[in-house]
Protein backbone atom coordinates (compact mmCIF):
# COMPACT_ATOMS: atom_id res chain seq x y z
CA MET A 1 69.15 -208.77 27.91
CA CYS A 2 72.87 -209.20 27.23
CA ALA A 3 74.11 -207.46 30.36
CA GLN A 4 72.84 -206.20 33.65
CA VAL A 5 73.66 -202.53 33.86
CA SER A 6 72.80 -199.40 35.80
CA SER A 7 72.68 -195.89 34.46
CA ARG A 8 74.80 -194.46 37.21
CA ARG A 9 76.97 -195.34 40.20
CA TRP A 10 75.03 -194.87 43.42
CA LEU A 11 76.68 -193.47 46.53
CA ASN A 12 77.69 -196.40 48.73
CA LEU A 13 79.11 -195.84 52.22
CA GLN A 14 81.26 -198.03 54.35
CA GLU A 15 79.56 -199.55 57.39
CA TYR A 16 81.31 -197.23 59.87
CA GLN A 17 80.30 -194.18 57.84
CA SER A 18 76.62 -195.15 57.98
CA LYS A 19 76.94 -195.75 61.72
CA LYS A 20 78.44 -192.29 62.20
CA LEU A 21 75.54 -190.68 60.41
CA MET A 22 73.17 -192.65 62.63
CA GLN A 23 74.99 -191.57 65.75
CA GLU A 24 74.70 -187.93 64.69
CA SER A 25 70.92 -188.35 64.60
CA GLY A 26 70.74 -189.95 68.03
CA VAL A 27 70.27 -193.49 66.78
CA THR A 28 71.65 -196.14 69.13
CA VAL A 29 74.51 -198.15 67.62
CA GLN A 30 77.35 -200.19 69.04
CA ARG A 31 80.34 -198.23 70.38
CA PHE A 32 83.11 -198.38 67.81
CA TYR A 33 86.39 -196.95 66.60
CA VAL A 34 87.97 -196.97 63.17
CA ALA A 35 91.66 -197.75 62.50
CA ASP A 36 93.92 -197.91 59.47
CA ASN A 37 96.86 -199.63 61.16
CA ALA A 38 97.30 -202.50 63.59
CA PRO A 39 98.63 -200.53 66.60
CA ASP A 40 95.64 -198.15 66.43
CA ALA A 41 93.24 -201.09 66.21
CA LEU A 42 94.86 -202.60 69.33
CA GLN A 43 94.55 -199.31 71.24
CA ALA A 44 90.90 -198.98 70.11
CA ALA A 45 90.11 -202.47 71.44
CA LYS A 46 91.64 -201.54 74.82
CA ARG A 47 89.77 -198.22 74.95
CA LEU A 48 86.43 -199.94 74.35
CA GLY A 49 86.79 -201.92 77.55
CA ALA A 50 84.12 -204.30 76.27
CA LYS A 51 83.43 -207.88 77.33
CA GLU A 52 83.66 -208.93 73.72
CA ILE A 53 84.98 -207.14 70.65
CA VAL A 54 84.09 -207.50 66.94
CA LEU A 55 86.67 -206.57 64.33
CA LYS A 56 85.22 -205.89 60.87
CA ALA A 57 87.10 -205.28 57.64
CA GLN A 58 85.63 -202.27 55.84
CA ILE A 59 84.90 -202.80 52.15
CA LEU A 60 81.91 -202.07 49.95
CA ALA A 61 80.78 -205.67 49.61
CA GLY A 62 78.62 -208.13 51.50
CA GLY A 63 79.60 -211.60 52.75
CA ARG A 64 82.62 -210.32 54.61
CA GLY A 65 82.26 -212.85 57.39
CA LYS A 66 82.77 -215.76 54.93
CA GLY A 67 85.46 -214.01 52.92
CA VAL A 68 89.14 -214.95 52.66
CA PHE A 69 92.24 -212.68 52.75
CA ASP A 70 95.27 -213.22 50.54
CA SER A 71 97.18 -213.12 53.82
CA GLY A 72 95.62 -216.50 54.59
CA LEU A 73 93.24 -215.17 57.22
CA LYS A 74 89.73 -216.54 56.88
CA GLY A 75 86.81 -214.25 57.54
CA GLY A 76 86.54 -210.43 57.41
CA VAL A 77 84.60 -210.40 60.71
CA HIS A 78 86.15 -211.72 63.93
CA LEU A 79 84.85 -211.94 67.50
CA THR A 80 87.19 -212.04 70.49
CA LYS A 81 87.10 -211.49 74.24
CA ASP A 82 90.85 -210.82 74.32
CA PRO A 83 91.68 -207.25 73.20
CA SER A 84 95.36 -208.17 72.80
CA VAL A 85 94.66 -210.32 69.67
CA VAL A 86 92.94 -207.46 67.82
CA GLY A 87 96.24 -205.99 66.69
CA GLU A 88 97.41 -209.31 65.29
CA LEU A 89 94.08 -209.85 63.48
CA ALA A 90 94.14 -206.29 62.05
CA ASN A 91 97.69 -206.83 60.89
CA ARG A 92 96.48 -209.76 58.71
CA MET A 93 93.57 -207.66 57.34
CA LEU A 94 94.98 -204.23 56.61
CA GLY A 95 96.79 -203.93 53.32
CA TYR A 96 95.52 -207.32 52.17
CA SER A 97 92.76 -208.15 49.69
CA LEU A 98 89.55 -209.72 50.93
CA THR A 99 87.58 -211.87 48.51
CA THR A 100 83.87 -212.48 49.04
CA LYS A 101 80.96 -213.57 46.84
CA GLN A 102 80.40 -209.91 45.98
CA THR A 103 83.94 -208.83 45.13
CA PRO A 104 85.99 -209.25 41.97
CA LYS A 105 88.01 -212.48 41.81
CA GLU A 106 91.15 -210.65 42.96
CA GLY A 107 89.26 -209.27 45.96
CA VAL A 108 89.32 -205.73 47.42
CA LYS A 109 92.22 -204.30 49.41
CA VAL A 110 91.24 -203.47 53.02
CA LYS A 111 92.41 -200.05 54.11
CA THR A 112 90.25 -199.64 57.23
CA VAL A 113 88.88 -201.79 60.04
CA MET A 114 86.12 -201.10 62.53
CA VAL A 115 86.71 -202.14 66.10
CA ALA A 116 83.33 -202.34 67.86
CA GLU A 117 81.75 -203.51 71.05
CA ALA A 118 80.08 -206.90 70.44
CA LEU A 119 76.62 -207.03 71.96
CA ASP A 120 74.45 -210.04 72.54
CA ILE A 121 71.13 -209.98 70.66
CA THR A 122 68.18 -211.68 72.33
CA ARG A 123 65.83 -210.88 69.45
CA GLU A 124 66.19 -209.52 65.88
CA THR A 125 63.69 -207.46 63.90
CA TYR A 126 63.65 -205.76 60.52
CA PHE A 127 62.87 -202.09 59.98
CA ALA A 128 63.13 -199.80 56.98
CA ILE A 129 61.97 -196.44 55.72
CA LEU A 130 61.79 -196.04 51.99
CA MET A 131 60.32 -193.92 49.24
CA ASP A 132 57.31 -195.65 47.64
CA ARG A 133 55.92 -194.39 44.36
CA ALA A 134 52.58 -196.08 45.02
CA CYS A 135 52.16 -193.97 48.18
CA ASN A 136 53.76 -190.82 46.74
CA GLY A 137 56.14 -190.56 49.66
CA PRO A 138 57.93 -192.40 52.46
CA VAL A 139 56.66 -195.64 53.99
CA MET A 140 57.80 -197.56 57.06
CA VAL A 141 58.18 -201.33 56.61
CA GLY A 142 58.86 -203.62 59.51
CA SER A 143 58.79 -207.29 60.53
CA PRO A 144 59.40 -209.16 63.78
CA GLN A 145 61.43 -211.59 61.66
CA GLY A 146 64.75 -209.80 61.38
CA GLY A 147 68.32 -210.85 60.60
CA MET A 148 67.30 -212.59 57.38
CA ASP A 149 66.33 -211.80 53.79
CA ILE A 150 63.20 -209.68 54.01
CA GLU A 151 62.05 -210.85 50.53
CA GLU A 152 62.00 -214.38 51.86
CA VAL A 153 59.88 -213.27 54.84
CA ALA A 154 57.47 -211.44 52.48
CA ASP A 155 57.18 -214.55 50.27
CA LYS A 156 56.69 -217.19 52.97
CA THR A 157 54.98 -215.22 55.79
CA PRO A 158 53.52 -212.00 54.30
CA GLU A 159 51.37 -211.53 57.41
CA LEU A 160 54.58 -210.68 59.28
CA ILE A 161 55.25 -207.65 57.08
CA PHE A 162 53.81 -204.41 58.47
CA LYS A 163 53.61 -201.03 56.70
CA GLU A 164 52.85 -197.48 57.75
CA VAL A 165 52.48 -194.69 55.20
CA ILE A 166 54.11 -191.48 56.43
CA ASP A 167 52.63 -188.08 55.69
CA ILE A 168 55.62 -186.15 54.30
CA PHE A 169 54.33 -182.91 55.86
CA GLU A 170 53.38 -184.37 59.26
CA GLY A 171 56.21 -186.87 59.70
CA VAL A 172 56.04 -190.05 61.80
CA ARG A 173 53.29 -189.61 64.41
CA ASP A 174 53.76 -190.99 67.93
CA ASP A 175 50.90 -193.47 67.44
CA GLN A 176 52.49 -194.75 64.23
CA ALA A 177 55.89 -195.24 65.84
CA VAL A 178 54.38 -197.04 68.86
CA ARG A 179 52.19 -199.23 66.62
CA MET A 180 55.17 -200.21 64.46
CA ALA A 181 57.25 -200.94 67.62
CA ALA A 182 54.45 -203.20 68.90
CA ASN A 183 54.19 -204.97 65.53
CA LEU A 184 57.92 -205.62 65.67
CA GLY A 185 57.31 -207.42 68.96
CA PHE A 186 58.87 -204.95 71.42
CA LYS A 187 57.12 -205.04 74.80
CA GLY A 188 56.99 -202.93 77.95
CA PRO A 189 59.67 -200.20 78.18
CA LEU A 190 61.30 -201.55 75.00
CA GLU A 191 58.22 -200.57 72.97
CA ARG A 192 58.67 -196.90 73.82
CA GLN A 193 62.40 -197.13 73.29
CA ALA A 194 61.92 -198.74 69.84
CA ALA A 195 59.36 -196.08 68.90
CA ASP A 196 61.89 -193.42 69.78
CA GLN A 197 64.52 -195.10 67.57
CA ILE A 198 62.02 -195.25 64.73
CA LYS A 199 61.39 -191.52 64.94
CA ARG A 200 65.13 -190.82 65.05
CA LEU A 201 65.67 -193.00 61.98
CA TYR A 202 63.04 -190.96 60.16
CA ASP A 203 64.84 -187.74 61.20
CA LEU A 204 68.02 -189.26 59.65
CA PHE A 205 66.07 -190.21 56.53
CA LEU A 206 65.03 -186.57 55.99
CA LYS A 207 68.30 -185.06 57.14
CA VAL A 208 70.49 -186.83 54.55
CA ASP A 209 67.94 -186.94 51.70
CA ALA A 210 67.80 -190.73 51.79
CA THR A 211 65.68 -192.86 49.52
CA GLN A 212 65.99 -195.80 51.94
CA VAL A 213 67.24 -196.48 55.43
CA GLU A 214 67.21 -200.20 56.10
CA VAL A 215 68.10 -201.61 59.54
CA ASN A 216 68.56 -205.39 59.68
CA PRO A 217 68.66 -206.24 62.47
CA LEU A 218 67.03 -203.72 64.79
CA GLY A 219 67.61 -205.83 67.86
CA GLU A 220 67.16 -205.89 71.58
CA THR A 221 69.92 -206.84 74.04
CA PRO A 222 69.76 -208.83 77.32
CA GLU A 223 70.34 -205.52 79.09
CA GLY A 224 67.12 -204.12 77.71
CA GLN A 225 68.47 -201.87 74.99
CA VAL A 226 67.18 -201.42 71.45
CA VAL A 227 70.15 -201.16 69.06
CA CYS A 228 70.51 -200.65 65.30
CA PHE A 229 73.12 -203.34 64.60
CA ASP A 230 73.48 -202.87 60.88
CA ALA A 231 72.16 -200.34 58.40
CA LYS A 232 72.09 -199.74 54.70
CA ILE A 233 71.43 -196.15 53.58
CA ASN A 234 70.59 -195.22 49.99
CA PHE A 235 70.76 -191.56 49.00
CA ASP A 236 68.99 -189.40 46.45
CA ASP A 237 71.89 -188.36 44.22
CA ASN A 238 69.77 -185.47 42.86
CA ALA A 239 70.31 -183.92 46.31
CA GLU A 240 74.12 -184.00 46.08
CA PHE A 241 74.20 -180.21 45.80
CA ARG A 242 72.85 -179.85 49.36
CA GLN A 243 74.47 -183.02 50.80
CA LYS A 244 78.10 -182.21 49.96
CA ALA A 245 79.42 -183.49 53.29
CA VAL A 246 77.67 -186.86 52.82
CA PHE A 247 78.75 -187.30 49.18
CA ALA A 248 82.32 -186.34 50.13
CA LEU A 249 82.42 -189.60 52.06
CA ASP A 250 82.16 -191.58 48.85
CA ASP A 251 85.08 -194.02 48.75
CA MET A 252 86.05 -194.01 45.05
CA SER A 253 89.13 -196.14 45.67
CA GLU A 254 87.02 -199.35 45.20
CA SER A 255 85.48 -198.10 41.97
CA ASP A 256 86.61 -199.02 38.48
CA PRO A 257 89.10 -196.27 37.41
CA THR A 258 87.34 -195.84 34.07
CA GLU A 259 83.95 -195.41 35.80
CA THR A 260 85.55 -192.84 38.11
CA GLU A 261 87.03 -190.90 35.19
CA ALA A 262 83.70 -191.04 33.32
CA ALA A 263 81.88 -189.63 36.33
CA LYS A 264 84.10 -186.52 36.20
CA TRP A 265 82.54 -185.67 32.85
CA ASP A 266 79.01 -186.65 33.89
CA LEU A 267 79.17 -189.80 31.76
CA LYS A 268 77.63 -193.05 32.97
CA TYR A 269 80.02 -195.88 32.12
CA ILE A 270 80.10 -199.59 32.91
CA GLY A 271 82.72 -201.86 31.39
CA LEU A 272 81.61 -205.16 29.83
CA ASP A 273 83.60 -208.01 28.31
CA GLY A 274 82.93 -207.59 24.57
CA ASN A 275 84.79 -205.68 21.75
CA ILE A 276 82.21 -203.24 20.31
CA ALA A 277 82.08 -199.98 22.26
CA CYS A 278 78.68 -198.40 22.67
CA PHE A 279 78.34 -194.64 22.68
CA VAL A 280 74.69 -193.76 23.40
CA ASN A 281 72.43 -191.15 24.97
CA GLY A 282 69.88 -192.51 27.41
CA ALA A 283 70.01 -195.56 29.64
CA GLY A 284 67.18 -197.38 27.88
CA LEU A 285 68.65 -196.76 24.42
CA ALA A 286 72.06 -197.93 25.71
CA MET A 287 70.64 -201.23 26.91
CA ALA A 288 68.75 -201.69 23.64
CA THR A 289 72.01 -201.05 21.78
CA CYS A 290 73.80 -203.68 23.86
CA ASP A 291 71.03 -206.14 23.19
CA ILE A 292 70.89 -205.64 19.43
CA ILE A 293 74.68 -205.95 19.13
CA ASP A 294 74.37 -209.30 20.90
CA LEU A 295 71.45 -210.30 18.71
CA HIS A 296 73.56 -209.86 15.56
CA GLY A 297 76.48 -211.90 16.91
CA GLY A 298 78.59 -209.16 18.50
CA LYS A 299 79.54 -208.44 22.12
CA PRO A 300 79.28 -204.96 23.70
CA ALA A 301 82.48 -203.71 25.33
CA ASN A 302 80.71 -201.26 27.58
CA PHE A 303 77.60 -199.36 28.56
CA LEU A 304 78.15 -195.61 28.07
CA ASP A 305 75.29 -193.15 28.53
CA LEU A 306 75.93 -189.52 27.49
CA GLY A 307 72.64 -188.35 29.00
CA GLY A 308 71.07 -185.04 28.00
CA GLY A 309 72.58 -181.55 27.68
CA VAL A 310 75.81 -183.03 26.32
CA LYS A 311 78.73 -180.78 25.27
CA GLU A 312 81.42 -181.39 22.63
CA LYS A 313 84.00 -181.82 25.40
CA GLN A 314 81.98 -184.70 26.87
CA VAL A 315 81.94 -186.40 23.48
CA TYR A 316 85.68 -186.02 23.17
CA GLU A 317 86.29 -187.40 26.68
CA ALA A 318 83.91 -190.31 26.01
CA PHE A 319 85.98 -191.22 22.92
CA LYS A 320 89.16 -191.07 25.00
CA LEU A 321 87.63 -193.58 27.44
CA LEU A 322 86.45 -195.89 24.72
CA THR A 323 89.70 -195.91 22.68
CA ALA A 324 91.77 -196.49 25.83
CA ASP A 325 90.13 -199.91 26.25
CA PRO A 326 92.43 -202.46 24.48
CA LYS A 327 89.43 -204.81 23.91
CA VAL A 328 87.64 -202.30 21.71
CA GLU A 329 87.77 -203.22 18.02
CA ALA A 330 84.92 -201.05 16.79
CA ILE A 331 82.80 -198.13 18.09
CA LEU A 332 79.04 -197.82 17.55
CA VAL A 333 77.52 -194.38 18.12
CA ASN A 334 73.76 -194.45 18.54
CA ILE A 335 72.22 -191.03 19.27
CA PHE A 336 68.58 -190.06 19.33
CA GLY A 337 68.52 -186.28 19.45
CA GLY A 338 65.54 -185.26 21.52
CA ILE A 339 67.06 -182.83 23.99
CA VAL A 340 70.48 -183.50 22.47
CA ASN A 341 71.57 -181.54 19.39
CA CYS A 342 72.94 -184.00 16.85
CA ALA A 343 75.25 -181.35 15.40
CA ILE A 344 77.05 -181.04 18.74
CA ILE A 345 77.61 -184.83 18.75
CA ALA A 346 78.88 -184.70 15.16
CA ASN A 347 81.35 -181.91 15.92
CA GLY A 348 82.57 -183.81 18.99
CA ILE A 349 82.98 -186.99 16.97
CA THR A 350 85.05 -185.34 14.22
CA LYS A 351 87.25 -183.54 16.76
CA ALA A 352 87.88 -186.78 18.69
CA CYS A 353 88.61 -188.80 15.51
CA ARG A 354 91.24 -186.30 14.35
CA GLU A 355 92.93 -185.57 17.66
CA LEU A 356 92.92 -189.13 18.96
CA GLU A 357 93.80 -190.58 15.54
CA LEU A 358 91.07 -193.15 15.78
CA LYS A 359 92.29 -196.52 14.49
CA VAL A 360 89.16 -198.68 14.88
CA PRO A 361 86.05 -198.74 12.68
CA LEU A 362 83.40 -196.19 13.64
CA VAL A 363 79.71 -196.68 12.86
CA VAL A 364 77.36 -193.74 13.52
CA ARG A 365 73.59 -193.68 13.67
CA LEU A 366 72.04 -190.22 14.36
CA GLU A 367 68.38 -189.29 14.49
CA GLY A 368 66.44 -186.30 15.77
CA THR A 369 67.23 -182.65 16.41
CA ASN A 370 69.39 -180.98 13.77
CA VAL A 371 70.22 -184.38 12.29
CA GLN A 372 70.66 -183.11 8.70
CA GLU A 373 73.33 -180.64 9.81
CA ALA A 374 75.01 -183.40 11.81
CA LYS A 375 75.11 -185.74 8.79
CA ARG A 376 76.57 -182.95 6.68
CA ILE A 377 79.35 -182.40 9.26
CA LEU A 378 80.21 -186.09 9.24
CA SER A 379 80.08 -186.55 5.46
CA GLU A 380 82.26 -183.46 4.77
CA SER A 381 84.79 -184.42 7.43
CA GLY A 382 86.72 -186.73 5.16
CA LEU A 383 86.91 -189.26 7.97
CA PRO A 384 86.23 -192.98 7.43
CA ILE A 385 82.93 -192.91 9.32
CA VAL A 386 80.34 -195.53 8.42
CA ALA A 387 76.81 -194.07 8.44
CA ALA A 388 73.86 -196.21 9.52
CA ASN A 389 70.14 -195.72 8.76
CA ASP A 390 68.77 -197.19 11.97
CA LEU A 391 69.83 -199.10 15.10
CA GLU A 392 69.64 -202.56 13.47
CA ASP A 393 71.66 -201.32 10.48
CA ALA A 394 74.21 -199.83 12.88
CA ALA A 395 74.59 -203.08 14.84
CA LYS A 396 75.02 -205.16 11.67
CA LYS A 397 77.67 -202.81 10.30
CA ALA A 398 79.60 -202.71 13.61
CA VAL A 399 79.67 -206.55 13.78
CA ALA A 400 80.64 -206.74 10.10
CA ALA A 401 83.47 -204.21 10.60
CA ILE A 402 85.11 -206.49 13.14
CA ALA A 403 84.59 -209.55 10.94
CA LYS A 404 86.51 -207.87 8.13
CA LYS A 405 89.58 -207.26 10.29
């Protein structure tokens, strides 16, 4: 496949936002404050009154601890026992870009820092609740080997992976929670405490319509406390209509502006590095279109999925996005009209071509519902639209159109 793509942008929360959701469900996390300026970060450190403080830059990317700021500061995570240095550290984080293995080359500007109590961890475990198709519902997964890649644990020591299928109507039973806590290696009073945390995490899982709540590590401290030190929450975006408060937390400032604009029109867009724009309905068809362009010597400029139930306005806005990309030298429209009416697409295309004064070659392949009417609309439009018989024909013509320029 020519590019790794996803059909939509998933909701991704900052670390402190996930921790707030956990707090609200009674899950034990480190005490923390959030600051967007150095003086507030300093005051937060003093208010914590902790033996040791951890200062974390908040961006939607992993590998922060090994990242580098353009201020010269190394590391997006710093530990200190002296609260007075927190302000100075925050001053070299806030407003500067942090580059990690998971960020763009230019890094991501840090707008917020989390000032938290640093706790010692005597033992780390892994715990997650996730939706499992094979079980037709939620499943608990845990391992006494936490703080590391769970896939590596599953590969090298599969006997250390424990699962419990949850009855969606019954919820997590006490015996299940205790058994999982014991399998994670918690003993004595900690076993009961861990079982309680497991049940609270399941409450959170249901409360926010999560598809996964992953805690790595779920650890124990020298003081005998079970703490969720880090968590990753994935959400069911089909539940956005009833999780408005959660989805309102989405930090779009780190998103690609074109992707953000596309989302306003319910379009799924991902920019690529080629010069042939792809205008397709359906994620699978969009990936196939990218592949066949690549097969015939071209390079896709994007992945754009119209989805179903498309309106003329969406077609127009999609063309606006595509033509705004200076890399685009040709546009390939590939529509299979199952639940999509091809005539709607054709009307949207002709309207966009006229109003946007399209200046790049346009190749259109339509098939399916009302396709004959759609082809009539395009042929009678008087516009320089190149018709294609099938996907391969469309890809060849799009690549050839650029070669002629």
